[in-house]
Amino acid sequence: GDSGSLEQAQAYLKQALLFSPYDSQLTDFRDTLAMKGAGDLADAIRVREDAFKKRPDDIVNLKHLALLYVSAKEPSKAIDLLLPLYQKNPDDIGVADTLAHLYSETQKTNDALTIYERFLESKDASVRFDATLRVGELYQSMNQMDKAAQTYQEAINMEPAGSDQGERRLADMYFDNDDMDNAEKLYQQIYDKQTTKDIL
């Protein structure tokens, strides 16, 4: 993680790309270094944009390019890239979640929340639960802690048997915001639930 190691990694990467310029693992690594500030972000974007022109339906490349745009502080470009992908794959909650967070970064809160509606109304309880957790995370990322806490509590109320994801998200949020009393209560609740499960 230190600057010397990142520079060394960048030097090795350049050498490797001379021999295998289209290797997917090397390309992914170039993106990672660029997003950490160790590589050439503009060059990483150019490579992904060239790939997009040649393979516009390559979902993996699309997602990587969107992340690079975000790193370059160009979330609007990432939205333009991912919106058609979401429209083609409206049931892909991963794409939907990424798009929602991009909307929130561009102050389009209503658009961000609208993205989740189809998942919150799903007949599948596990999809509704997952979507509720993601909405809580969105509120948390927007620093709307009261709404995040309320949403995480809704997730806890619908939590599948054996899961403690709702409690964990809420406890971690309280902990990160120095609300140690509420965090401790929830961590104890998680521990008790786990202990009971182990006994059974």
N, C-alpha and C. Protein backbone atom coordinates (compact mmCIF):
# COMPACT_ATOMS: atom_id res chain seq x y z
N GLY A 1 0.78 -1.21 0.00
CA GLY A 1 0.00 0.00 0.00
C GLY A 1 0.82 1.27 0.00
N ASP A 2 2.18 1.23 0.35
CA ASP A 2 2.97 2.46 0.38
C ASP A 2 3.34 2.87 -1.04
N SER A 3 3.76 4.14 -1.19
CA SER A 3 4.01 4.69 -2.53
C SER A 3 5.11 3.95 -3.27
N GLY A 4 6.15 3.50 -2.53
CA GLY A 4 7.24 2.78 -3.19
C GLY A 4 6.77 1.47 -3.78
N SER A 5 5.96 0.73 -3.04
CA SER A 5 5.45 -0.54 -3.53
C SER A 5 4.55 -0.33 -4.73
N LEU A 6 3.72 0.72 -4.70
CA LEU A 6 2.81 1.00 -5.81
C LEU A 6 3.59 1.38 -7.07
N GLU A 7 4.66 2.16 -6.89
CA GLU A 7 5.48 2.53 -8.05
C GLU A 7 6.16 1.31 -8.65
N GLN A 8 6.63 0.42 -7.78
CA GLN A 8 7.27 -0.81 -8.25
C GLN A 8 6.26 -1.67 -9.02
N ALA A 9 5.05 -1.76 -8.47
CA ALA A 9 3.99 -2.54 -9.13
C ALA A 9 3.68 -1.94 -10.50
N GLN A 10 3.65 -0.61 -10.57
CA GLN A 10 3.38 0.06 -11.84
C GLN A 10 4.47 -0.25 -12.87
N ALA A 11 5.73 -0.29 -12.42
CA ALA A 11 6.85 -0.60 -13.32
C ALA A 11 6.74 -2.03 -13.85
N TYR A 12 6.42 -2.99 -12.96
CA TYR A 12 6.25 -4.38 -13.40
C TYR A 12 5.08 -4.51 -14.37
N LEU A 13 4.02 -3.76 -14.09
CA LEU A 13 2.83 -3.82 -14.94
C LEU A 13 3.15 -3.34 -16.35
N LYS A 14 3.88 -2.25 -16.45
CA LYS A 14 4.23 -1.72 -17.78
C LYS A 14 4.99 -2.75 -18.59
N GLN A 15 5.93 -3.44 -17.92
CA GLN A 15 6.71 -4.47 -18.62
C GLN A 15 5.81 -5.62 -19.08
N ALA A 16 4.92 -6.05 -18.20
CA ALA A 16 4.03 -7.16 -18.52
C ALA A 16 3.10 -6.82 -19.67
N LEU A 17 2.62 -5.56 -19.69
CA LEU A 17 1.68 -5.15 -20.74
C LEU A 17 2.35 -5.08 -22.12
N LEU A 18 3.67 -4.92 -22.14
CA LEU A 18 4.37 -4.94 -23.43
C LEU A 18 4.23 -6.29 -24.11
N PHE A 19 4.18 -7.35 -23.30
CA PHE A 19 4.08 -8.71 -23.83
C PHE A 19 2.63 -9.15 -23.99
N SER A 20 1.74 -8.68 -23.09
CA SER A 20 0.33 -9.11 -23.14
C SER A 20 -0.59 -7.90 -22.94
N PRO A 21 -0.68 -7.03 -23.97
CA PRO A 21 -1.44 -5.79 -23.80
C PRO A 21 -2.93 -5.98 -23.58
N TYR A 22 -3.46 -7.16 -23.94
CA TYR A 22 -4.91 -7.38 -23.83
C TYR A 22 -5.27 -8.37 -22.73
N ASP A 23 -4.30 -8.71 -21.89
CA ASP A 23 -4.57 -9.64 -20.80
C ASP A 23 -5.55 -9.01 -19.81
N SER A 24 -6.67 -9.70 -19.53
CA SER A 24 -7.72 -9.10 -18.71
C SER A 24 -7.27 -8.86 -17.27
N GLN A 25 -6.47 -9.77 -16.71
CA GLN A 25 -6.00 -9.58 -15.34
C GLN A 25 -5.06 -8.38 -15.23
N LEU A 26 -4.20 -8.22 -16.23
CA LEU A 26 -3.29 -7.08 -16.23
C LEU A 26 -4.06 -5.77 -16.39
N THR A 27 -5.08 -5.80 -17.24
CA THR A 27 -5.90 -4.60 -17.45
C THR A 27 -6.64 -4.23 -16.18
N ASP A 28 -7.16 -5.24 -15.48
CA ASP A 28 -7.84 -4.99 -14.21
C ASP A 28 -6.86 -4.38 -13.19
N PHE A 29 -5.64 -4.92 -13.17
CA PHE A 29 -4.63 -4.43 -12.23
C PHE A 29 -4.25 -2.98 -12.55
N ARG A 30 -4.17 -2.65 -13.85
CA ARG A 30 -3.88 -1.27 -14.25
C ARG A 30 -4.97 -0.34 -13.71
N ASP A 31 -6.24 -0.78 -13.81
CA ASP A 31 -7.34 0.03 -13.28
C ASP A 31 -7.17 0.26 -11.78
N THR A 32 -6.84 -0.83 -11.06
CA THR A 32 -6.70 -0.73 -9.60
C THR A 32 -5.60 0.25 -9.23
N LEU A 33 -4.47 0.16 -9.90
CA LEU A 33 -3.37 1.08 -9.62
C LEU A 33 -3.76 2.52 -9.94
N ALA A 34 -4.45 2.71 -11.05
CA ALA A 34 -4.86 4.05 -11.47
C ALA A 34 -5.81 4.67 -10.43
N MET A 35 -6.73 3.84 -9.91
CA MET A 35 -7.69 4.35 -8.93
C MET A 35 -7.03 4.62 -7.58
N LYS A 36 -5.87 3.99 -7.34
CA LYS A 36 -5.12 4.24 -6.10
C LYS A 36 -4.16 5.43 -6.27
N GLY A 37 -4.12 5.98 -7.48
CA GLY A 37 -3.26 7.13 -7.72
C GLY A 37 -1.86 6.76 -8.14
N ALA A 38 -1.60 5.46 -8.38
CA ALA A 38 -0.24 5.03 -8.73
C ALA A 38 -0.05 4.91 -10.23
N GLY A 39 -1.15 4.84 -10.97
CA GLY A 39 -1.05 4.68 -12.42
C GLY A 39 -1.60 5.90 -13.14
N ASP A 40 -1.60 5.82 -14.44
CA ASP A 40 -2.10 6.90 -15.29
C ASP A 40 -3.60 6.69 -15.48
N LEU A 41 -4.40 7.48 -14.76
CA LEU A 41 -5.85 7.31 -14.81
C LEU A 41 -6.39 7.58 -16.21
N ALA A 42 -5.88 8.62 -16.86
CA ALA A 42 -6.35 8.96 -18.20
C ALA A 42 -6.05 7.83 -19.18
N ASP A 43 -4.88 7.20 -19.03
CA ASP A 43 -4.51 6.10 -19.91
C ASP A 43 -5.40 4.89 -19.66
N ALA A 44 -5.69 4.59 -18.39
CA ALA A 44 -6.56 3.47 -18.06
C ALA A 44 -7.96 3.69 -18.65
N ILE A 45 -8.45 4.93 -18.58
CA ILE A 45 -9.76 5.26 -19.16
C ILE A 45 -9.72 5.09 -20.67
N ARG A 46 -8.64 5.57 -21.30
CA ARG A 46 -8.53 5.46 -22.76
C ARG A 46 -8.59 4.00 -23.22
N VAL A 47 -7.89 3.12 -22.49
CA VAL A 47 -7.87 1.70 -22.85
C VAL A 47 -9.27 1.11 -22.74
N ARG A 48 -9.98 1.45 -21.66
CA ARG A 48 -11.33 0.93 -21.46
C ARG A 48 -12.31 1.51 -22.49
N GLU A 49 -12.11 2.78 -22.85
CA GLU A 49 -12.98 3.40 -23.86
C GLU A 49 -12.76 2.75 -25.22
N ASP A 50 -11.52 2.45 -25.54
CA ASP A 50 -11.22 1.76 -26.81
C ASP A 50 -11.89 0.39 -26.84
N ALA A 51 -11.82 -0.32 -25.69
CA ALA A 51 -12.45 -1.63 -25.60
C ALA A 51 -13.97 -1.52 -25.73
N PHE A 52 -14.53 -0.44 -25.18
CA PHE A 52 -15.98 -0.22 -25.26
C PHE A 52 -16.42 -0.02 -26.70
N LYS A 53 -15.62 0.71 -27.48
CA LYS A 53 -15.94 0.93 -28.90
C LYS A 53 -15.95 -0.38 -29.67
N LYS A 54 -15.03 -1.28 -29.30
CA LYS A 54 -14.93 -2.56 -30.00
C LYS A 54 -15.95 -3.57 -29.47
N ARG A 55 -16.23 -3.53 -28.16
CA ARG A 55 -17.13 -4.51 -27.54
C ARG A 55 -18.13 -3.79 -26.64
N PRO A 56 -19.11 -3.10 -27.24
CA PRO A 56 -20.05 -2.29 -26.45
C PRO A 56 -20.91 -3.11 -25.48
N ASP A 57 -21.01 -4.41 -25.71
CA ASP A 57 -21.85 -5.25 -24.83
C ASP A 57 -21.04 -5.98 -23.76
N ASP A 58 -19.77 -5.66 -23.63
CA ASP A 58 -18.91 -6.28 -22.61
C ASP A 58 -19.22 -5.64 -21.25
N ILE A 59 -20.05 -6.33 -20.44
CA ILE A 59 -20.52 -5.77 -19.18
C ILE A 59 -19.37 -5.53 -18.20
N VAL A 60 -18.43 -6.46 -18.14
CA VAL A 60 -17.29 -6.31 -17.23
C VAL A 60 -16.50 -5.04 -17.56
N ASN A 61 -16.25 -4.83 -18.84
CA ASN A 61 -15.52 -3.62 -19.25
C ASN A 61 -16.31 -2.36 -18.91
N LEU A 62 -17.62 -2.42 -19.12
CA LEU A 62 -18.49 -1.28 -18.81
C LEU A 62 -18.37 -0.89 -17.33
N LYS A 63 -18.45 -1.91 -16.46
CA LYS A 63 -18.38 -1.64 -15.02
C LYS A 63 -17.03 -1.04 -14.64
N HIS A 64 -15.95 -1.58 -15.22
CA HIS A 64 -14.62 -1.05 -14.92
C HIS A 64 -14.49 0.40 -15.38
N LEU A 65 -15.01 0.68 -16.58
CA LEU A 65 -14.92 2.04 -17.11
C LEU A 65 -15.72 3.01 -16.24
N ALA A 66 -16.88 2.56 -15.77
CA ALA A 66 -17.70 3.41 -14.90
C ALA A 66 -16.94 3.75 -13.61
N LEU A 67 -16.27 2.75 -13.02
CA LEU A 67 -15.50 2.99 -11.80
C LEU A 67 -14.35 3.96 -12.04
N LEU A 68 -13.73 3.85 -13.22
CA LEU A 68 -12.64 4.77 -13.55
C LEU A 68 -13.17 6.20 -13.70
N TYR A 69 -14.34 6.34 -14.30
CA TYR A 69 -14.95 7.67 -14.42
C TYR A 69 -15.22 8.26 -13.03
N VAL A 70 -15.68 7.42 -12.11
CA VAL A 70 -15.93 7.89 -10.75
C VAL A 70 -14.62 8.36 -10.12
N SER A 71 -13.55 7.58 -10.29
CA SER A 71 -12.24 7.96 -9.75
C SER A 71 -11.76 9.27 -10.35
N ALA A 72 -12.14 9.51 -11.61
CA ALA A 72 -11.75 10.75 -12.29
C ALA A 72 -12.70 11.90 -11.95
N LYS A 73 -13.62 11.64 -10.99
CA LYS A 73 -14.60 12.63 -10.56
C LYS A 73 -15.50 13.06 -11.71
N GLU A 74 -15.90 12.07 -12.51
CA GLU A 74 -16.84 12.31 -13.61
C GLU A 74 -18.02 11.33 -13.49
N PRO A 75 -18.79 11.44 -12.38
CA PRO A 75 -19.89 10.49 -12.18
C PRO A 75 -20.97 10.57 -13.25
N SER A 76 -21.14 11.75 -13.87
CA SER A 76 -22.16 11.88 -14.92
C SER A 76 -21.84 10.97 -16.11
N LYS A 77 -20.55 10.85 -16.44
CA LYS A 77 -20.14 9.95 -17.52
C LYS A 77 -20.42 8.50 -17.14
N ALA A 78 -20.19 8.18 -15.87
CA ALA A 78 -20.46 6.81 -15.40
C ALA A 78 -21.95 6.50 -15.49
N ILE A 79 -22.79 7.48 -15.15
CA ILE A 79 -24.25 7.30 -15.24
C ILE A 79 -24.66 7.07 -16.69
N ASP A 80 -24.14 7.90 -17.60
CA ASP A 80 -24.47 7.75 -19.03
C ASP A 80 -24.08 6.37 -19.54
N LEU A 81 -23.02 5.83 -18.97
CA LEU A 81 -22.53 4.51 -19.39
C LEU A 81 -23.39 3.38 -18.84
N LEU A 82 -23.77 3.51 -17.55
CA LEU A 82 -24.47 2.41 -16.88
C LEU A 82 -25.99 2.42 -17.08
N LEU A 83 -26.56 3.58 -17.37
CA LEU A 83 -28.02 3.66 -17.50
C LEU A 83 -28.56 2.72 -18.59
N PRO A 84 -27.98 2.70 -19.79
CA PRO A 84 -28.47 1.76 -20.80
C PRO A 84 -28.31 0.30 -20.36
N LEU A 85 -27.22 0.01 -19.63
CA LEU A 85 -27.00 -1.35 -19.13
C LEU A 85 -28.09 -1.72 -18.13
N TYR A 86 -28.44 -0.78 -17.25
CA TYR A 86 -29.51 -1.03 -16.27
C TYR A 86 -30.85 -1.22 -16.98
N GLN A 87 -31.10 -0.41 -18.01
CA GLN A 87 -32.37 -0.52 -18.73
C GLN A 87 -32.50 -1.86 -19.44
N LYS A 88 -31.37 -2.41 -19.86
CA LYS A 88 -31.39 -3.75 -20.49
C LYS A 88 -31.48 -4.85 -19.45
N ASN A 89 -30.98 -4.58 -18.24
CA ASN A 89 -30.93 -5.60 -17.18
C ASN A 89 -31.55 -5.03 -15.90
N PRO A 90 -32.85 -4.73 -15.91
CA PRO A 90 -33.46 -4.05 -14.76
C PRO A 90 -33.51 -4.89 -13.48
N ASP A 91 -33.29 -6.20 -13.60
CA ASP A 91 -33.32 -7.06 -12.41
C ASP A 91 -31.94 -7.30 -11.81
N ASP A 92 -30.92 -6.67 -12.39
CA ASP A 92 -29.55 -6.82 -11.87
C ASP A 92 -29.35 -5.80 -10.75
N ILE A 93 -29.47 -6.27 -9.51
CA ILE A 93 -29.41 -5.33 -8.38
C ILE A 93 -28.01 -4.74 -8.19
N GLY A 94 -26.98 -5.44 -8.66
CA GLY A 94 -25.63 -4.90 -8.57
C GLY A 94 -25.46 -3.66 -9.43
N VAL A 95 -25.94 -3.73 -10.68
CA VAL A 95 -25.88 -2.57 -11.58
C VAL A 95 -26.77 -1.45 -11.03
N ALA A 96 -27.97 -1.83 -10.56
CA ALA A 96 -28.91 -0.85 -10.01
C ALA A 96 -28.30 -0.12 -8.82
N ASP A 97 -27.64 -0.86 -7.96
CA ASP A 97 -27.04 -0.29 -6.75
C ASP A 97 -25.94 0.70 -7.11
N THR A 98 -25.09 0.31 -8.06
CA THR A 98 -24.01 1.21 -8.50
C THR A 98 -24.59 2.49 -9.09
N LEU A 99 -25.63 2.34 -9.91
CA LEU A 99 -26.26 3.49 -10.54
C LEU A 99 -26.90 4.41 -9.49
N ALA A 100 -27.54 3.82 -8.49
CA ALA A 100 -28.17 4.61 -7.43
C ALA A 100 -27.14 5.45 -6.69
N HIS A 101 -25.99 4.87 -6.37
CA HIS A 101 -24.94 5.62 -5.67
C HIS A 101 -24.37 6.74 -6.56
N LEU A 102 -24.31 6.49 -7.86
CA LEU A 102 -23.85 7.53 -8.78
C LEU A 102 -24.85 8.69 -8.81
N TYR A 103 -26.13 8.35 -8.82
CA TYR A 103 -27.16 9.40 -8.78
C TYR A 103 -27.01 10.24 -7.51
N SER A 104 -26.76 9.57 -6.39
CA SER A 104 -26.64 10.32 -5.13
C SER A 104 -25.43 11.24 -5.16
N GLU A 105 -24.35 10.81 -5.83
CA GLU A 105 -23.15 11.65 -5.94
C GLU A 105 -23.41 12.90 -6.77
N THR A 106 -24.38 12.81 -7.69
CA THR A 106 -24.71 13.96 -8.54
C THR A 106 -25.95 14.68 -8.02
N GLN A 107 -26.27 14.45 -6.74
CA GLN A 107 -27.37 15.14 -6.05
C GLN A 107 -28.74 14.79 -6.62
N LYS A 108 -28.86 13.64 -7.27
CA LYS A 108 -30.15 13.19 -7.81
C LYS A 108 -30.73 12.13 -6.86
N THR A 109 -31.08 12.57 -5.66
CA THR A 109 -31.49 11.65 -4.60
C THR A 109 -32.76 10.88 -4.97
N ASN A 110 -33.74 11.58 -5.53
CA ASN A 110 -34.99 10.91 -5.90
C ASN A 110 -34.76 9.82 -6.93
N ASP A 111 -33.90 10.11 -7.92
CA ASP A 111 -33.58 9.10 -8.93
C ASP A 111 -32.89 7.90 -8.28
N ALA A 112 -32.02 8.20 -7.31
CA ALA A 112 -31.30 7.13 -6.61
C ALA A 112 -32.27 6.20 -5.90
N LEU A 113 -33.22 6.77 -5.18
CA LEU A 113 -34.18 5.97 -4.41
C LEU A 113 -35.16 5.24 -5.32
N THR A 114 -35.52 5.87 -6.44
CA THR A 114 -36.46 5.25 -7.39
C THR A 114 -35.89 3.95 -7.94
N ILE A 115 -34.57 3.92 -8.13
CA ILE A 115 -33.90 2.73 -8.68
C ILE A 115 -34.26 1.49 -7.87
N TYR A 116 -34.38 1.64 -6.54
CA TYR A 116 -34.59 0.48 -5.67
C TYR A 116 -36.04 0.01 -5.60
N GLU A 117 -36.98 0.82 -6.11
CA GLU A 117 -38.40 0.52 -5.89
C GLU A 117 -38.80 -0.87 -6.37
N ARG A 118 -38.36 -1.25 -7.57
CA ARG A 118 -38.76 -2.55 -8.11
C ARG A 118 -38.27 -3.70 -7.23
N PHE A 119 -37.12 -3.49 -6.57
CA PHE A 119 -36.57 -4.54 -5.70
C PHE A 119 -37.28 -4.55 -4.34
N LEU A 120 -37.63 -3.37 -3.85
CA LEU A 120 -38.36 -3.28 -2.58
C LEU A 120 -39.77 -3.85 -2.69
N GLU A 121 -40.31 -3.89 -3.91
CA GLU A 121 -41.66 -4.41 -4.14
C GLU A 121 -41.64 -5.85 -4.66
N SER A 122 -40.47 -6.47 -4.69
CA SER A 122 -40.35 -7.83 -5.20
C SER A 122 -41.15 -8.83 -4.37
N LYS A 123 -41.63 -9.86 -5.02
CA LYS A 123 -42.33 -10.94 -4.29
C LYS A 123 -41.34 -11.83 -3.55
N ASP A 124 -40.08 -11.73 -3.92
CA ASP A 124 -39.03 -12.53 -3.29
C ASP A 124 -38.55 -11.83 -2.02
N ALA A 125 -38.76 -12.44 -0.86
CA ALA A 125 -38.40 -11.82 0.42
C ALA A 125 -36.91 -11.52 0.51
N SER A 126 -36.08 -12.40 -0.04
CA SER A 126 -34.63 -12.19 0.04
C SER A 126 -34.21 -10.97 -0.78
N VAL A 127 -34.88 -10.75 -1.91
CA VAL A 127 -34.59 -9.57 -2.74
C VAL A 127 -35.00 -8.30 -2.01
N ARG A 128 -36.19 -8.32 -1.37
CA ARG A 128 -36.65 -7.16 -0.60
C ARG A 128 -35.69 -6.84 0.53
N PHE A 129 -35.21 -7.88 1.21
CA PHE A 129 -34.28 -7.69 2.33
C PHE A 129 -32.97 -7.08 1.83
N ASP A 130 -32.42 -7.63 0.77
CA ASP A 130 -31.17 -7.14 0.20
C ASP A 130 -31.32 -5.68 -0.23
N ALA A 131 -32.43 -5.37 -0.88
CA ALA A 131 -32.66 -4.00 -1.35
C ALA A 131 -32.79 -3.04 -0.17
N THR A 132 -33.44 -3.46 0.90
CA THR A 132 -33.60 -2.60 2.07
C THR A 132 -32.25 -2.28 2.70
N LEU A 133 -31.37 -3.28 2.78
CA LEU A 133 -30.01 -3.04 3.28
C LEU A 133 -29.29 -2.01 2.41
N ARG A 134 -29.45 -2.15 1.11
CA ARG A 134 -28.76 -1.25 0.18
C ARG A 134 -29.30 0.18 0.28
N VAL A 135 -30.60 0.32 0.52
CA VAL A 135 -31.16 1.66 0.71
C VAL A 135 -30.60 2.28 2.00
N GLY A 136 -30.47 1.45 3.05
CA GLY A 136 -29.85 1.94 4.28
C GLY A 136 -28.43 2.44 4.03
N GLU A 137 -27.68 1.68 3.25
CA GLU A 137 -26.30 2.08 2.92
C GLU A 137 -26.28 3.38 2.12
N LEU A 138 -27.27 3.53 1.23
CA LEU A 138 -27.35 4.76 0.44
C LEU A 138 -27.59 5.96 1.35
N TYR A 139 -28.56 5.85 2.26
CA TYR A 139 -28.82 6.94 3.20
C TYR A 139 -27.58 7.23 4.03
N GLN A 140 -26.88 6.17 4.44
CA GLN A 140 -25.68 6.35 5.25
C GLN A 140 -24.60 7.09 4.45
N SER A 141 -24.45 6.75 3.18
CA SER A 141 -23.45 7.41 2.33
C SER A 141 -23.79 8.89 2.12
N MET A 142 -25.09 9.22 2.23
CA MET A 142 -25.53 10.62 2.07
C MET A 142 -25.56 11.35 3.42
N ASN A 143 -25.08 10.65 4.47
CA ASN A 143 -25.00 11.23 5.82
C ASN A 143 -26.39 11.51 6.41
N GLN A 144 -27.38 10.76 5.95
CA GLN A 144 -28.74 10.87 6.51
C GLN A 144 -28.91 9.71 7.50
N MET A 145 -28.31 9.89 8.67
CA MET A 145 -28.17 8.79 9.62
C MET A 145 -29.51 8.34 10.23
N ASP A 146 -30.42 9.28 10.46
CA ASP A 146 -31.72 8.89 11.01
C ASP A 146 -32.49 7.99 10.04
N LYS A 147 -32.47 8.38 8.76
CA LYS A 147 -33.16 7.57 7.75
C LYS A 147 -32.45 6.23 7.56
N ALA A 148 -31.12 6.26 7.66
CA ALA A 148 -30.36 5.01 7.54
C ALA A 148 -30.72 4.07 8.68
N ALA A 149 -30.78 4.60 9.90
CA ALA A 149 -31.12 3.77 11.07
C ALA A 149 -32.52 3.20 10.94
N GLN A 150 -33.46 4.02 10.49
CA GLN A 150 -34.84 3.56 10.30
C GLN A 150 -34.91 2.45 9.27
N THR A 151 -34.15 2.61 8.18
CA THR A 151 -34.16 1.62 7.10
C THR A 151 -33.50 0.32 7.54
N TYR A 152 -32.39 0.42 8.27
CA TYR A 152 -31.75 -0.78 8.79
C TYR A 152 -32.68 -1.51 9.76
N GLN A 153 -33.45 -0.76 10.54
CA GLN A 153 -34.40 -1.39 11.45
C GLN A 153 -35.49 -2.13 10.68
N GLU A 154 -35.92 -1.56 9.57
CA GLU A 154 -36.89 -2.24 8.70
C GLU A 154 -36.28 -3.56 8.19
N ALA A 155 -34.99 -3.52 7.85
CA ALA A 155 -34.31 -4.73 7.38
C ALA A 155 -34.26 -5.78 8.50
N ILE A 156 -33.98 -5.33 9.71
CA ILE A 156 -33.94 -6.25 10.86
C ILE A 156 -35.29 -6.93 11.05
N ASN A 157 -36.36 -6.16 10.87
CA ASN A 157 -37.71 -6.69 11.07
C ASN A 157 -38.09 -7.75 10.04
N MET A 158 -37.42 -7.74 8.88
CA MET A 158 -37.73 -8.73 7.84
C MET A 158 -36.58 -9.72 7.62
N GLU A 159 -35.63 -9.72 8.54
CA GLU A 159 -34.41 -10.49 8.38
C GLU A 159 -34.68 -11.99 8.25
N PRO A 160 -34.06 -12.65 7.26
CA PRO A 160 -34.22 -14.10 7.14
C PRO A 160 -33.62 -14.82 8.34
N ALA A 161 -34.13 -15.99 8.63
CA ALA A 161 -33.61 -16.79 9.74
C ALA A 161 -32.12 -17.04 9.56
N GLY A 162 -31.37 -16.85 10.63
CA GLY A 162 -29.93 -17.12 10.59
C GLY A 162 -29.09 -15.94 10.14
N SER A 163 -29.74 -14.86 9.71
CA SER A 163 -28.98 -13.69 9.25
C SER A 163 -28.88 -12.65 10.36
N ASP A 164 -27.77 -11.92 10.38
CA ASP A 164 -27.63 -10.81 11.31
C ASP A 164 -27.13 -9.56 10.57
N GLN A 165 -27.34 -9.54 9.24
CA GLN A 165 -26.80 -8.44 8.44
C GLN A 165 -27.41 -7.08 8.80
N GLY A 166 -28.71 -7.08 9.12
CA GLY A 166 -29.34 -5.82 9.51
C GLY A 166 -28.73 -5.26 10.77
N GLU A 167 -28.61 -6.12 11.79
CA GLU A 167 -28.02 -5.68 13.06
C GLU A 167 -26.58 -5.22 12.86
N ARG A 168 -25.83 -5.96 12.05
CA ARG A 168 -24.41 -5.61 11.85
C ARG A 168 -24.28 -4.24 11.18
N ARG A 169 -25.07 -3.99 10.15
CA ARG A 169 -24.98 -2.69 9.46
C ARG A 169 -25.32 -1.55 10.43
N LEU A 170 -26.39 -1.75 11.20
CA LEU A 170 -26.81 -0.70 12.12
C LEU A 170 -25.80 -0.53 13.25
N ALA A 171 -25.30 -1.63 13.79
CA ALA A 171 -24.30 -1.55 14.87
C ALA A 171 -23.04 -0.86 14.39
N ASP A 172 -22.58 -1.22 13.18
CA ASP A 172 -21.36 -0.60 12.64
C ASP A 172 -21.57 0.90 12.41
N MET A 173 -22.77 1.26 11.95
CA MET A 173 -23.06 2.68 11.73
C MET A 173 -23.01 3.44 13.06
N TYR A 174 -23.64 2.87 14.10
CA TYR A 174 -23.60 3.52 15.42
C TYR A 174 -22.16 3.64 15.91
N PHE A 175 -21.38 2.56 15.73
CA PHE A 175 -19.98 2.55 16.18
C PHE A 175 -19.19 3.66 15.46
N ASP A 176 -19.37 3.75 14.13
CA ASP A 176 -18.63 4.74 13.35
C ASP A 176 -19.01 6.17 13.74
N ASN A 177 -20.20 6.33 14.32
CA ASN A 177 -20.66 7.66 14.71
C ASN A 177 -20.56 7.88 16.22
N ASP A 178 -19.75 7.03 16.87
CA ASP A 178 -19.45 7.17 18.31
C ASP A 178 -20.68 7.04 19.21
N ASP A 179 -21.71 6.34 18.71
CA ASP A 179 -22.88 6.05 19.56
C ASP A 179 -22.65 4.67 20.16
N MET A 180 -21.79 4.63 21.18
CA MET A 180 -21.32 3.36 21.71
C MET A 180 -22.40 2.58 22.47
N ASP A 181 -23.34 3.29 23.08
CA ASP A 181 -24.40 2.60 23.82
C ASP A 181 -25.25 1.75 22.89
N ASN A 182 -25.73 2.35 21.81
CA ASN A 182 -26.56 1.61 20.86
C ASN A 182 -25.75 0.55 20.12
N ALA A 183 -24.50 0.88 19.81
CA ALA A 183 -23.64 -0.10 19.13
C ALA A 183 -23.44 -1.33 20.00
N GLU A 184 -23.16 -1.09 21.29
CA GLU A 184 -22.91 -2.21 22.20
C GLU A 184 -24.14 -3.10 22.35
N LYS A 185 -25.32 -2.49 22.43
CA LYS A 185 -26.56 -3.26 22.55
C LYS A 185 -26.75 -4.18 21.34
N LEU A 186 -26.49 -3.65 20.16
CA LEU A 186 -26.68 -4.44 18.95
C LEU A 186 -25.62 -5.52 18.81
N TYR A 187 -24.37 -5.19 19.14
CA TYR A 187 -23.32 -6.22 19.08
C TYR A 187 -23.63 -7.36 20.06
N GLN A 188 -24.18 -7.01 21.23
CA GLN A 188 -24.58 -8.04 22.20
C GLN A 188 -25.72 -8.88 21.63
N GLN A 189 -26.63 -8.22 20.94
CA GLN A 189 -27.75 -8.92 20.32
C GLN A 189 -27.25 -9.90 19.26
N ILE A 190 -26.28 -9.47 18.48
CA ILE A 190 -25.68 -10.34 17.46
C ILE A 190 -25.00 -11.54 18.14
N TYR A 191 -24.25 -11.26 19.20
CA TYR A 191 -23.55 -12.33 19.92
C TYR A 191 -24.54 -13.34 20.50
N ASP A 192 -25.62 -12.84 21.10
CA ASP A 192 -26.62 -13.72 21.70
C ASP A 192 -27.28 -14.59 20.63
N LYS A 193 -27.55 -13.98 19.49
CA LYS A 193 -28.19 -14.72 18.40
C LYS A 193 -27.25 -15.83 17.90
N GLN A 194 -25.97 -15.50 17.77
CA GLN A 194 -24.99 -16.47 17.29
C GLN A 194 -24.82 -17.61 18.31
N THR A 195 -24.80 -17.25 19.59
CA THR A 195 -24.65 -18.26 20.65
C THR A 195 -25.83 -19.22 20.67
N THR A 196 -27.02 -18.66 20.51
CA THR A 196 -28.23 -19.50 20.48
C THR A 196 -28.20 -20.46 19.30
N LYS A 197 -27.76 -19.93 18.14
CA LYS A 197 -27.67 -20.77 16.94
C LYS A 197 -26.67 -21.90 17.13
N ASP A 198 -25.54 -21.59 17.78
CA ASP A 198 -24.49 -22.62 18.00
C ASP A 198 -25.01 -23.71 18.94
N ILE A 199 -25.80 -23.31 19.95
CA ILE A 199 -26.34 -24.30 20.88
C ILE A 199 -27.33 -25.24 20.20
N LEU A 200 -28.15 -24.62 19.33
CA LEU A 200 -29.16 -25.42 18.61
C LEU A 200 -28.50 -26.29 17.57
